[in-house]
C-alpha atoms as a PDB file:
ATOM      1  CA  MET A   1     -17.662   4.323  16.912  1.00  0.00           C
ATOM      2  CA  SER A   2     -15.230   2.007  17.621  1.00  0.00           C
ATOM      3  CA  ASP A   3     -11.637   2.827  16.657  1.00  0.00           C
ATOM      4  CA  VAL A   4     -10.368  -1.004  15.853  1.00  0.00           C
ATOM      5  CA  TYR A   5     -12.531  -3.422  13.760  1.00  0.00           C
ATOM      6  CA  LEU A   6     -11.640  -6.845  12.240  1.00  0.00           C
ATOM      7  CA  ILE A   7     -11.670  -7.813   8.984  1.00  0.00           C
ATOM      8  CA  GLU A   8     -12.877 -11.480   8.129  1.00  0.00           C
ATOM      9  CA  VAL A   9     -13.073 -12.716   4.533  1.00  0.00           C
ATOM     10  CA  GLU A  10     -14.695 -16.042   3.843  1.00  0.00           C
ATOM     11  CA  GLY A  11     -14.484 -16.968   7.217  1.00  0.00           C
ATOM     12  CA  ARG A  12     -10.854 -15.613   7.901  1.00  0.00           C
ATOM     13  CA  SER A  13      -9.296 -12.852   9.933  1.00  0.00           C
ATOM     14  CA  VAL A  14      -7.229 -11.212   7.196  1.00  0.00           C
ATOM     15  CA  GLY A  15      -6.485  -7.899   9.118  1.00  0.00           C
ATOM     16  CA  LEU A  16      -7.797  -5.206  11.003  1.00  0.00           C
ATOM     17  CA  VAL A  17      -8.738  -1.156  10.625  1.00  0.00           C
ATOM     18  CA  ALA A  18      -7.682   1.064  13.061  1.00  0.00           C
ATOM     19  CA  ARG A  19      -9.033   4.859  13.058  1.00  0.00           C
ATOM     20  CA  ASP A  20      -6.339   7.052  11.992  1.00  0.00           C
ATOM     21  CA  ARG A  21      -7.624  10.319  13.346  1.00  0.00           C
ATOM     22  CA  ASP A  22      -5.204  12.595  11.657  1.00  0.00           C
ATOM     23  CA  ALA A  23      -6.150  11.359   8.347  1.00  0.00           C
ATOM     24  CA  ARG A  24     -10.032  11.123   9.170  1.00  0.00           C
ATOM     25  CA  GLY A  25     -10.088   7.362   8.217  1.00  0.00           C
ATOM     26  CA  TYR A  26      -9.208   3.713   8.725  1.00  0.00           C
ATOM     27  CA  ARG A  27      -5.992   2.382   8.106  1.00  0.00           C
ATOM     28  CA  PHE A  28      -5.646  -1.222   7.215  1.00  0.00           C
ATOM     29  CA  HIS A  29      -3.393  -3.408   8.811  1.00  0.00           C
ATOM     30  CA  ALA A  30      -2.784  -7.052   7.113  1.00  0.00           C
ATOM     31  CA  ALA A  31      -2.887 -10.265   9.263  1.00  0.00           C
ATOM     32  CA  LEU A  32      -1.925 -12.581   6.147  1.00  0.00           C
ATOM     33  CA  PRO A  33       0.569 -12.208   3.179  1.00  0.00           C
ATOM     34  CA  GLU A  34      -2.050 -12.037   0.471  1.00  0.00           C
ATOM     35  CA  PHE A  35      -3.545  -8.952   1.778  1.00  0.00           C
ATOM     36  CA  TYR A  36       0.036  -7.032   1.966  1.00  0.00           C
ATOM     37  CA  THR A  37      -1.029  -5.092  -1.300  1.00  0.00           C
ATOM     38  CA  ILE A  38      -3.493  -2.894   0.866  1.00  0.00           C
ATOM     39  CA  ASP A  39      -1.631  -2.778   3.887  1.00  0.00           C
ATOM     40  CA  SER A  40      -1.159   0.595   5.353  1.00  0.00           C
ATOM     41  CA  GLN A  41      -3.827   2.072   3.101  1.00  0.00           C
ATOM     42  CA  LEU A  42      -6.355   4.492   4.201  1.00  0.00           C
ATOM     43  CA  PHE A  43      -9.968   3.737   3.947  1.00  0.00           C
ATOM     44  CA  ARG A  44     -12.748   5.737   4.720  1.00  0.00           C
ATOM     45  CA  THR A  45     -15.025   3.200   6.651  1.00  0.00           C
ATOM     46  CA  PRO A  46     -14.227  -0.291   7.804  1.00  0.00           C
ATOM     47  CA  ASP A  47     -16.724  -1.424   4.962  1.00  0.00           C
ATOM     48  CA  GLU A  48     -14.484   0.094   2.327  1.00  0.00           C
ATOM     49  CA  ALA A  49     -11.604  -1.844   3.701  1.00  0.00           C
ATOM     50  CA  ARG A  50     -13.700  -5.072   3.754  1.00  0.00           C
ATOM     51  CA  LEU A  51     -14.874  -4.771   0.367  1.00  0.00           C
ATOM     52  CA  ALA A  52     -11.087  -4.497  -0.797  1.00  0.00           C
ATOM     53  CA  ALA A  53      -9.953  -7.399   1.020  1.00  0.00           C
ATOM     54  CA  ARG A  54     -12.953  -9.375  -0.491  1.00  0.00           C
ATOM     55  CA  LYS A  55     -11.872  -8.341  -3.878  1.00  0.00           C
ATOM     56  CA  ILE A  56      -8.381  -9.666  -3.631  1.00  0.00           C
ATOM     57  CA  ALA A  57      -9.672 -12.819  -1.874  1.00  0.00           C
ATOM     58  CA  GLU A  58     -11.982 -13.284  -5.263  1.00  0.00           C
ATOM     59  CA  GLY A  59      -9.228 -12.763  -7.068  1.00  0.00           C
ATOM     60  CA  ARG A  60      -7.039 -15.314  -5.453  1.00  0.00           C
ATOM     61  CA  HIS A  61      -9.920 -17.781  -6.612  1.00  0.00           C
ATOM     62  CA  GLY A  62     -10.268 -16.318 -10.122  1.00  0.00           C
ATOM     63  CA  SER A  63     -13.808 -15.340  -9.792  1.00  0.00           C
ATOM     64  CA  VAL A  64     -13.147 -11.604  -9.986  1.00  0.00           C
ATOM     65  CA  ARG A  65     -10.054  -9.833 -11.638  1.00  0.00           C
ATOM     66  CA  LYS A  66      -8.349  -7.409  -9.381  1.00  0.00           C
ATOM     67  CA  ALA A  67      -8.823  -3.603 -10.411  1.00  0.00           C
ATOM     68  CA  ALA A  68      -5.417  -2.038 -11.694  1.00  0.00           C
END
């Protein structure tokens, strides 16, 4: 399994996740300001990070409300 994954949403690279061995998960590193809300957040899998980023992108378009 890889240690770093690029996270793409709607055809844009929005950040990456890198394995955090101490925390036993993947830490998100935002590449765009609208994704700073999840910057440094720990996810169990890269797919969980991708889902969180997708929710942010969908909220930006008004199609899905962001969870509180």
